Amino acid sequence: GYALYGGNPTPTAANPMRPVIALAA
């Protein structure tokens, strides 16, 4: 689930997933 949305499934290492969201104001 979480990894699909860009969350890091390996928090002790670099995130292997592509970012999915950006938030700006």
mmCIF file of all heavy atoms, coordinates in Angstrom:
data_MODEL
# 
_entry.id   MODEL 
# 
loop_
_atom_site.group_PDB 
_atom_site.id 
_atom_site.type_symbol 
_atom_site.label_atom_id 
_atom_site.label_alt_id 
_atom_site.label_comp_id 
_atom_site.label_asym_id 
_atom_site.label_entity_id 
_atom_site.label_seq_id 
_atom_site.pdbx_PDB_ins_code 
_atom_site.Cartn_x 
_atom_site.Cartn_y 
_atom_site.Cartn_z 
_atom_site.occupancy 
_atom_site.B_iso_or_equiv 
_atom_site.pdbx_formal_charge 
_atom_site.auth_seq_id 
_atom_site.auth_comp_id 
_atom_site.auth_asym_id 
_atom_site.auth_atom_id 
_atom_site.pdbx_PDB_model_num 
ATOM 1   N N   . GLY A 1 1  ? 0.831  -1.193 0.000   1.00 0.00 ? 1  GLY A N   1 
ATOM 2   C CA  . GLY A 1 1  ? 0.000  0.000  0.000   1.00 0.00 ? 1  GLY A CA  1 
ATOM 3   C C   . GLY A 1 1  ? 0.867  1.244  0.000   1.00 0.00 ? 1  GLY A C   1 
ATOM 4   O O   . GLY A 1 1  ? 1.049  1.889  -1.027  1.00 0.00 ? 1  GLY A O   1 
ATOM 5   N N   . TYR A 1 2  ? 1.448  1.572  1.145   1.00 0.00 ? 2  TYR A N   1 
ATOM 6   C CA  . TYR A 1 2  ? 2.171  2.833  1.326   1.00 0.00 ? 2  TYR A CA  1 
ATOM 7   C C   . TYR A 1 2  ? 3.235  3.082  0.265   1.00 0.00 ? 2  TYR A C   1 
ATOM 8   O O   . TYR A 1 2  ? 3.364  4.190  -0.250  1.00 0.00 ? 2  TYR A O   1 
ATOM 9   C CB  . TYR A 1 2  ? 2.796  2.836  2.723   1.00 0.00 ? 2  TYR A CB  1 
ATOM 10  C CG  . TYR A 1 2  ? 3.465  4.116  3.132   1.00 0.00 ? 2  TYR A CG  1 
ATOM 11  C CD1 . TYR A 1 2  ? 2.800  5.337  3.075   1.00 0.00 ? 2  TYR A CD1 1 
ATOM 12  C CD2 . TYR A 1 2  ? 4.776  4.106  3.620   1.00 0.00 ? 2  TYR A CD2 1 
ATOM 13  C CE1 . TYR A 1 2  ? 3.418  6.508  3.480   1.00 0.00 ? 2  TYR A CE1 1 
ATOM 14  C CE2 . TYR A 1 2  ? 5.391  5.271  4.039   1.00 0.00 ? 2  TYR A CE2 1 
ATOM 15  C CZ  . TYR A 1 2  ? 4.705  6.475  3.967   1.00 0.00 ? 2  TYR A CZ  1 
ATOM 16  O OH  . TYR A 1 2  ? 5.326  7.631  4.365   1.00 0.00 ? 2  TYR A OH  1 
ATOM 17  N N   . ALA A 1 3  ? 3.978  2.049  -0.082  1.00 0.00 ? 3  ALA A N   1 
ATOM 18  C CA  . ALA A 1 3  ? 5.049  2.233  -1.074  1.00 0.00 ? 3  ALA A CA  1 
ATOM 19  C C   . ALA A 1 3  ? 4.501  2.656  -2.431  1.00 0.00 ? 3  ALA A C   1 
ATOM 20  O O   . ALA A 1 3  ? 5.183  3.371  -3.179  1.00 0.00 ? 3  ALA A O   1 
ATOM 21  C CB  . ALA A 1 3  ? 5.859  0.944  -1.218  1.00 0.00 ? 3  ALA A CB  1 
ATOM 22  N N   . LEU A 1 4  ? 3.294  2.224  -2.762  1.00 0.00 ? 4  LEU A N   1 
ATOM 23  C CA  . LEU A 1 4  ? 2.706  2.639  -4.038  1.00 0.00 ? 4  LEU A CA  1 
ATOM 24  C C   . LEU A 1 4  ? 2.598  4.148  -4.127  1.00 0.00 ? 4  LEU A C   1 
ATOM 25  O O   . LEU A 1 4  ? 2.713  4.737  -5.204  1.00 0.00 ? 4  LEU A O   1 
ATOM 26  C CB  . LEU A 1 4  ? 1.314  2.033  -4.202  1.00 0.00 ? 4  LEU A CB  1 
ATOM 27  C CG  . LEU A 1 4  ? 1.206  0.514  -4.299  1.00 0.00 ? 4  LEU A CG  1 
ATOM 28  C CD1 . LEU A 1 4  ? -0.262 0.117  -4.352  1.00 0.00 ? 4  LEU A CD1 1 
ATOM 29  C CD2 . LEU A 1 4  ? 1.955  -0.012 -5.506  1.00 0.00 ? 4  LEU A CD2 1 
ATOM 30  N N   . TYR A 1 5  ? 2.386  4.786  -2.981  1.00 0.00 ? 5  TYR A N   1 
ATOM 31  C CA  . TYR A 1 5  ? 2.114  6.221  -2.948  1.00 0.00 ? 5  TYR A CA  1 
ATOM 32  C C   . TYR A 1 5  ? 3.360  7.054  -2.657  1.00 0.00 ? 5  TYR A C   1 
ATOM 33  O O   . TYR A 1 5  ? 3.260  8.236  -2.350  1.00 0.00 ? 5  TYR A O   1 
ATOM 34  C CB  . TYR A 1 5  ? 1.014  6.487  -1.917  1.00 0.00 ? 5  TYR A CB  1 
ATOM 35  C CG  . TYR A 1 5  ? -0.208 5.642  -2.189  1.00 0.00 ? 5  TYR A CG  1 
ATOM 36  C CD1 . TYR A 1 5  ? -0.454 4.476  -1.471  1.00 0.00 ? 5  TYR A CD1 1 
ATOM 37  C CD2 . TYR A 1 5  ? -1.084 5.968  -3.218  1.00 0.00 ? 5  TYR A CD2 1 
ATOM 38  C CE1 . TYR A 1 5  ? -1.544 3.669  -1.758  1.00 0.00 ? 5  TYR A CE1 1 
ATOM 39  C CE2 . TYR A 1 5  ? -2.184 5.170  -3.514  1.00 0.00 ? 5  TYR A CE2 1 
ATOM 40  C CZ  . TYR A 1 5  ? -2.406 4.021  -2.780  1.00 0.00 ? 5  TYR A CZ  1 
ATOM 41  O OH  . TYR A 1 5  ? -3.488 3.219  -3.077  1.00 0.00 ? 5  TYR A OH  1 
ATOM 42  N N   . GLY A 1 6  ? 4.521  6.419  -2.780  1.00 0.00 ? 6  GLY A N   1 
ATOM 43  C CA  . GLY A 1 6  ? 5.777  7.136  -2.644  1.00 0.00 ? 6  GLY A CA  1 
ATOM 44  C C   . GLY A 1 6  ? 6.393  7.100  -1.272  1.00 0.00 ? 6  GLY A C   1 
ATOM 45  O O   . GLY A 1 6  ? 7.466  7.669  -1.056  1.00 0.00 ? 6  GLY A O   1 
ATOM 46  N N   . GLY A 1 7  ? 5.725  6.446  -0.319  1.00 0.00 ? 7  GLY A N   1 
ATOM 47  C CA  . GLY A 1 7  ? 6.298  6.325  1.016   1.00 0.00 ? 7  GLY A CA  1 
ATOM 48  C C   . GLY A 1 7  ? 7.473  5.362  1.018   1.00 0.00 ? 7  GLY A C   1 
ATOM 49  O O   . GLY A 1 7  ? 7.534  4.428  0.210   1.00 0.00 ? 7  GLY A O   1 
ATOM 50  N N   . ASN A 1 8  ? 8.397  5.570  1.937   1.00 0.00 ? 8  ASN A N   1 
ATOM 51  C CA  . ASN A 1 8  ? 9.609  4.756  1.979   1.00 0.00 ? 8  ASN A CA  1 
ATOM 52  C C   . ASN A 1 8  ? 9.346  3.445  2.717   1.00 0.00 ? 8  ASN A C   1 
ATOM 53  O O   . ASN A 1 8  ? 9.125  3.448  3.932   1.00 0.00 ? 8  ASN A O   1 
ATOM 54  C CB  . ASN A 1 8  ? 10.737 5.518  2.675   1.00 0.00 ? 8  ASN A CB  1 
ATOM 55  C CG  . ASN A 1 8  ? 12.077 4.801  2.561   1.00 0.00 ? 8  ASN A CG  1 
ATOM 56  O OD1 . ASN A 1 8  ? 12.148 3.697  2.003   1.00 0.00 ? 8  ASN A OD1 1 
ATOM 57  N ND2 . ASN A 1 8  ? 13.121 5.408  3.073   1.00 0.00 ? 8  ASN A ND2 1 
ATOM 58  N N   . PRO A 1 9  ? 9.388  2.293  2.023   1.00 0.00 ? 9  PRO A N   1 
ATOM 59  C CA  . PRO A 1 9  ? 9.197  1.013  2.690   1.00 0.00 ? 9  PRO A CA  1 
ATOM 60  C C   . PRO A 1 9  ? 10.455 0.522  3.397   1.00 0.00 ? 9  PRO A C   1 
ATOM 61  O O   . PRO A 1 9  ? 10.419 -0.489 4.089   1.00 0.00 ? 9  PRO A O   1 
ATOM 62  C CB  . PRO A 1 9  ? 8.826  0.077  1.534   1.00 0.00 ? 9  PRO A CB  1 
ATOM 63  C CG  . PRO A 1 9  ? 9.568  0.653  0.362   1.00 0.00 ? 9  PRO A CG  1 
ATOM 64  C CD  . PRO A 1 9  ? 9.563  2.144  0.566   1.00 0.00 ? 9  PRO A CD  1 
ATOM 65  N N   . THR A 1 10 ? 11.571 1.222  3.202   1.00 0.00 ? 10 THR A N   1 
ATOM 66  C CA  . THR A 1 10 ? 12.850 0.843  3.817   1.00 0.00 ? 10 THR A CA  1 
ATOM 67  C C   . THR A 1 10 ? 13.394 2.044  4.588   1.00 0.00 ? 10 THR A C   1 
ATOM 68  O O   . THR A 1 10 ? 14.353 2.676  4.160   1.00 0.00 ? 10 THR A O   1 
ATOM 69  C CB  . THR A 1 10 ? 13.862 0.400  2.746   1.00 0.00 ? 10 THR A CB  1 
ATOM 70  O OG1 . THR A 1 10 ? 14.036 1.481  1.799   1.00 0.00 ? 10 THR A OG1 1 
ATOM 71  C CG2 . THR A 1 10 ? 13.356 -0.821 1.992   1.00 0.00 ? 10 THR A CG2 1 
ATOM 72  N N   . PRO A 1 11 ? 12.788 2.397  5.723   1.00 0.00 ? 11 PRO A N   1 
ATOM 73  C CA  . PRO A 1 11 ? 13.147 3.648  6.401   1.00 0.00 ? 11 PRO A CA  1 
ATOM 74  C C   . PRO A 1 11 ? 14.581 3.711  6.909   1.00 0.00 ? 11 PRO A C   1 
ATOM 75  O O   . PRO A 1 11 ? 15.053 4.801  7.237   1.00 0.00 ? 11 PRO A O   1 
ATOM 76  C CB  . PRO A 1 11 ? 12.143 3.717  7.556   1.00 0.00 ? 11 PRO A CB  1 
ATOM 77  C CG  . PRO A 1 11 ? 11.564 2.363  7.692   1.00 0.00 ? 11 PRO A CG  1 
ATOM 78  C CD  . PRO A 1 11 ? 11.650 1.726  6.352   1.00 0.00 ? 11 PRO A CD  1 
ATOM 79  N N   . THR A 1 12 ? 15.272 2.588  6.950   1.00 0.00 ? 12 THR A N   1 
ATOM 80  C CA  . THR A 1 12 ? 16.684 2.626  7.349   1.00 0.00 ? 12 THR A CA  1 
ATOM 81  C C   . THR A 1 12 ? 17.606 2.838  6.149   1.00 0.00 ? 12 THR A C   1 
ATOM 82  O O   . THR A 1 12 ? 18.827 2.872  6.311   1.00 0.00 ? 12 THR A O   1 
ATOM 83  C CB  . THR A 1 12 ? 17.076 1.323  8.068   1.00 0.00 ? 12 THR A CB  1 
ATOM 84  O OG1 . THR A 1 12 ? 16.841 0.206  7.188   1.00 0.00 ? 12 THR A OG1 1 
ATOM 85  C CG2 . THR A 1 12 ? 16.259 1.146  9.335   1.00 0.00 ? 12 THR A CG2 1 
ATOM 86  N N   . ALA A 1 13 ? 17.038 2.986  4.967   1.00 0.00 ? 13 ALA A N   1 
ATOM 87  C CA  . ALA A 1 13 ? 17.833 3.190  3.747   1.00 0.00 ? 13 ALA A CA  1 
ATOM 88  C C   . ALA A 1 13 ? 17.123 4.215  2.863   1.00 0.00 ? 13 ALA A C   1 
ATOM 89  O O   . ALA A 1 13 ? 16.040 4.703  3.183   1.00 0.00 ? 13 ALA A O   1 
ATOM 90  C CB  . ALA A 1 13 ? 18.003 1.859  3.005   1.00 0.00 ? 13 ALA A CB  1 
ATOM 91  N N   . ALA A 1 14 ? 17.757 4.527  1.738   1.00 0.00 ? 14 ALA A N   1 
ATOM 92  C CA  . ALA A 1 14 ? 17.162 5.488  0.807   1.00 0.00 ? 14 ALA A CA  1 
ATOM 93  C C   . ALA A 1 14 ? 15.847 4.953  0.265   1.00 0.00 ? 14 ALA A C   1 
ATOM 94  O O   . ALA A 1 14 ? 15.649 3.742  0.118   1.00 0.00 ? 14 ALA A O   1 
ATOM 95  C CB  . ALA A 1 14 ? 18.137 5.754  -0.338  1.00 0.00 ? 14 ALA A CB  1 
ATOM 96  N N   . ASN A 1 15 ? 14.948 5.864  -0.040  1.00 0.00 ? 15 ASN A N   1 
ATOM 97  C CA  . ASN A 1 15 ? 13.627 5.493  -0.553  1.00 0.00 ? 15 ASN A CA  1 
ATOM 98  C C   . ASN A 1 15 ? 13.746 4.996  -1.988  1.00 0.00 ? 15 ASN A C   1 
ATOM 99  O O   . ASN A 1 15 ? 14.173 5.733  -2.875  1.00 0.00 ? 15 ASN A O   1 
ATOM 100 C CB  . ASN A 1 15 ? 12.691 6.705  -0.502  1.00 0.00 ? 15 ASN A CB  1 
ATOM 101 C CG  . ASN A 1 15 ? 11.253 6.335  -0.798  1.00 0.00 ? 15 ASN A CG  1 
ATOM 102 O OD1 . ASN A 1 15 ? 10.947 5.212  -1.186  1.00 0.00 ? 15 ASN A OD1 1 
ATOM 103 N ND2 . ASN A 1 15 ? 10.351 7.288  -0.613  1.00 0.00 ? 15 ASN A ND2 1 
ATOM 104 N N   . PRO A 1 16 ? 13.350 3.728  -2.248  1.00 0.00 ? 16 PRO A N   1 
ATOM 105 C CA  . PRO A 1 16 ? 13.444 3.201  -3.612  1.00 0.00 ? 16 PRO A CA  1 
ATOM 106 C C   . PRO A 1 16 ? 12.242 3.550  -4.491  1.00 0.00 ? 16 PRO A C   1 
ATOM 107 O O   . PRO A 1 16 ? 12.230 3.192  -5.670  1.00 0.00 ? 16 PRO A O   1 
ATOM 108 C CB  . PRO A 1 16 ? 13.507 1.688  -3.381  1.00 0.00 ? 16 PRO A CB  1 
ATOM 109 C CG  . PRO A 1 16 ? 12.687 1.479  -2.146  1.00 0.00 ? 16 PRO A CG  1 
ATOM 110 C CD  . PRO A 1 16 ? 12.927 2.691  -1.286  1.00 0.00 ? 16 PRO A CD  1 
ATOM 111 N N   . MET A 1 17 ? 11.251 4.235  -3.928  1.00 0.00 ? 17 MET A N   1 
ATOM 112 C CA  . MET A 1 17 ? 10.021 4.498  -4.676  1.00 0.00 ? 17 MET A CA  1 
ATOM 113 C C   . MET A 1 17 ? 10.035 5.904  -5.273  1.00 0.00 ? 17 MET A C   1 
ATOM 114 O O   . MET A 1 17 ? 10.695 6.815  -4.776  1.00 0.00 ? 17 MET A O   1 
ATOM 115 C CB  . MET A 1 17 ? 8.797  4.344  -3.766  1.00 0.00 ? 17 MET A CB  1 
ATOM 116 C CG  . MET A 1 17 ? 8.783  3.096  -2.895  1.00 0.00 ? 17 MET A CG  1 
ATOM 117 S SD  . MET A 1 17 ? 9.229  1.548  -3.747  1.00 0.00 ? 17 MET A SD  1 
ATOM 118 C CE  . MET A 1 17 ? 7.929  1.436  -4.973  1.00 0.00 ? 17 MET A CE  1 
ATOM 119 N N   . ARG A 1 18 ? 9.272  6.070  -6.340  1.00 0.00 ? 18 ARG A N   1 
ATOM 120 C CA  . ARG A 1 18 ? 9.117  7.379  -6.955  1.00 0.00 ? 18 ARG A CA  1 
ATOM 121 C C   . ARG A 1 18 ? 8.155  8.237  -6.153  1.00 0.00 ? 18 ARG A C   1 
ATOM 122 O O   . ARG A 1 18 ? 7.140  7.735  -5.662  1.00 0.00 ? 18 ARG A O   1 
ATOM 123 C CB  . ARG A 1 18 ? 8.597  7.240  -8.389  1.00 0.00 ? 18 ARG A CB  1 
ATOM 124 C CG  . ARG A 1 18 ? 9.653  6.841  -9.393  1.00 0.00 ? 18 ARG A CG  1 
ATOM 125 C CD  . ARG A 1 18 ? 9.086  6.665  -10.792 1.00 0.00 ? 18 ARG A CD  1 
ATOM 126 N NE  . ARG A 1 18 ? 8.286  7.812  -11.247 1.00 0.00 ? 18 ARG A NE  1 
ATOM 127 C CZ  . ARG A 1 18 ? 7.761  7.902  -12.470 1.00 0.00 ? 18 ARG A CZ  1 
ATOM 128 N NH1 . ARG A 1 18 ? 7.939  6.905  -13.338 1.00 0.00 ? 18 ARG A NH1 1 
ATOM 129 N NH2 . ARG A 1 18 ? 7.060  8.964  -12.831 1.00 0.00 ? 18 ARG A NH2 1 
ATOM 130 N N   . PRO A 1 19 ? 8.429  9.541  -5.998  1.00 0.00 ? 19 PRO A N   1 
ATOM 131 C CA  . PRO A 1 19 ? 7.472  10.401 -5.296  1.00 0.00 ? 19 PRO A CA  1 
ATOM 132 C C   . PRO A 1 19 ? 6.181  10.526 -6.079  1.00 0.00 ? 19 PRO A C   1 
ATOM 133 O O   . PRO A 1 19 ? 6.181  10.555 -7.308  1.00 0.00 ? 19 PRO A O   1 
ATOM 134 C CB  . PRO A 1 19 ? 8.209  11.738 -5.191  1.00 0.00 ? 19 PRO A CB  1 
ATOM 135 C CG  . PRO A 1 19 ? 9.209  11.710 -6.303  1.00 0.00 ? 19 PRO A CG  1 
ATOM 136 C CD  . PRO A 1 19 ? 9.612  10.273 -6.462  1.00 0.00 ? 19 PRO A CD  1 
ATOM 137 N N   . VAL A 1 20 ? 5.079  10.625 -5.355  1.00 0.00 ? 20 VAL A N   1 
ATOM 138 C CA  . VAL A 1 20 ? 3.761  10.652 -5.973  1.00 0.00 ? 20 VAL A CA  1 
ATOM 139 C C   . VAL A 1 20 ? 3.059  11.988 -5.769  1.00 0.00 ? 20 VAL A C   1 
ATOM 140 O O   . VAL A 1 20 ? 2.275  12.409 -6.620  1.00 0.00 ? 20 VAL A O   1 
ATOM 141 C CB  . VAL A 1 20 ? 2.893  9.497  -5.419  1.00 0.00 ? 20 VAL A CB  1 
ATOM 142 C CG1 . VAL A 1 20 ? 1.438  9.620  -5.842  1.00 0.00 ? 20 VAL A CG1 1 
ATOM 143 C CG2 . VAL A 1 20 ? 3.466  8.148  -5.879  1.00 0.00 ? 20 VAL A CG2 1 
ATOM 144 N N   . ILE A 1 21 ? 3.333  12.655 -4.661  1.00 0.00 ? 21 ILE A N   1 
ATOM 145 C CA  . ILE A 1 21 ? 2.619  13.901 -4.400  1.00 0.00 ? 21 ILE A CA  1 
ATOM 146 C C   . ILE A 1 21 ? 3.579  15.053 -4.159  1.00 0.00 ? 21 ILE A C   1 
ATOM 147 O O   . ILE A 1 21 ? 4.749  14.858 -3.801  1.00 0.00 ? 21 ILE A O   1 
ATOM 148 C CB  . ILE A 1 21 ? 1.666  13.789 -3.187  1.00 0.00 ? 21 ILE A CB  1 
ATOM 149 C CG1 . ILE A 1 21 ? 2.455  13.637 -1.885  1.00 0.00 ? 21 ILE A CG1 1 
ATOM 150 C CG2 . ILE A 1 21 ? 0.675  12.669 -3.384  1.00 0.00 ? 21 ILE A CG2 1 
ATOM 151 C CD1 . ILE A 1 21 ? 1.613  13.875 -0.646  1.00 0.00 ? 21 ILE A CD1 1 
ATOM 152 N N   . ALA A 1 22 ? 3.057  16.254 -4.358  1.00 0.00 ? 22 ALA A N   1 
ATOM 153 C CA  . ALA A 1 22 ? 3.727  17.496 -3.968  1.00 0.00 ? 22 ALA A CA  1 
ATOM 154 C C   . ALA A 1 22 ? 2.667  18.415 -3.395  1.00 0.00 ? 22 ALA A C   1 
ATOM 155 O O   . ALA A 1 22 ? 1.521  18.429 -3.866  1.00 0.00 ? 22 ALA A O   1 
ATOM 156 C CB  . ALA A 1 22 ? 4.414  18.150 -5.163  1.00 0.00 ? 22 ALA A CB  1 
ATOM 157 N N   . LEU A 1 23 ? 3.025  19.158 -2.370  1.00 0.00 ? 23 LEU A N   1 
ATOM 158 C CA  . LEU A 1 23 ? 2.099  20.073 -1.716  1.00 0.00 ? 23 LEU A CA  1 
ATOM 159 C C   . LEU A 1 23 ? 2.762  21.430 -1.571  1.00 0.00 ? 23 LEU A C   1 
ATOM 160 O O   . LEU A 1 23 ? 3.873  21.528 -1.030  1.00 0.00 ? 23 LEU A O   1 
ATOM 161 C CB  . LEU A 1 23 ? 1.693  19.525 -0.348  1.00 0.00 ? 23 LEU A CB  1 
ATOM 162 C CG  . LEU A 1 23 ? 0.721  20.378 0.478   1.00 0.00 ? 23 LEU A CG  1 
ATOM 163 C CD1 . LEU A 1 23 ? -0.609 20.541 -0.246  1.00 0.00 ? 23 LEU A CD1 1 
ATOM 164 C CD2 . LEU A 1 23 ? 0.511  19.749 1.862   1.00 0.00 ? 23 LEU A CD2 1 
ATOM 165 N N   . ALA A 1 24 ? 2.103  22.461 -2.071  1.00 0.00 ? 24 ALA A N   1 
ATOM 166 C CA  . ALA A 1 24 ? 2.678  23.799 -2.031  1.00 0.00 ? 24 ALA A CA  1 
ATOM 167 C C   . ALA A 1 24 ? 1.571  24.821 -1.816  1.00 0.00 ? 24 ALA A C   1 
ATOM 168 O O   . ALA A 1 24 ? 0.399  24.575 -2.121  1.00 0.00 ? 24 ALA A O   1 
ATOM 169 C CB  . ALA A 1 24 ? 3.425  24.102 -3.325  1.00 0.00 ? 24 ALA A CB  1 
ATOM 170 N N   . ALA A 1 25 ? 1.970  25.977 -1.281  1.00 0.00 ? 25 ALA A N   1 
ATOM 171 C CA  . ALA A 1 25 ? 0.984  27.028 -1.003  1.00 0.00 ? 25 ALA A CA  1 
ATOM 172 C C   . ALA A 1 25 ? 1.621  28.390 -1.211  1.00 0.00 ? 25 ALA A C   1 
ATOM 173 O O   . ALA A 1 25 ? 2.795  28.597 -0.889  1.00 0.00 ? 25 ALA A O   1 
ATOM 174 C CB  . ALA A 1 25 ? 0.467  26.906 0.424   1.00 0.00 ? 25 ALA A CB  1 
# 
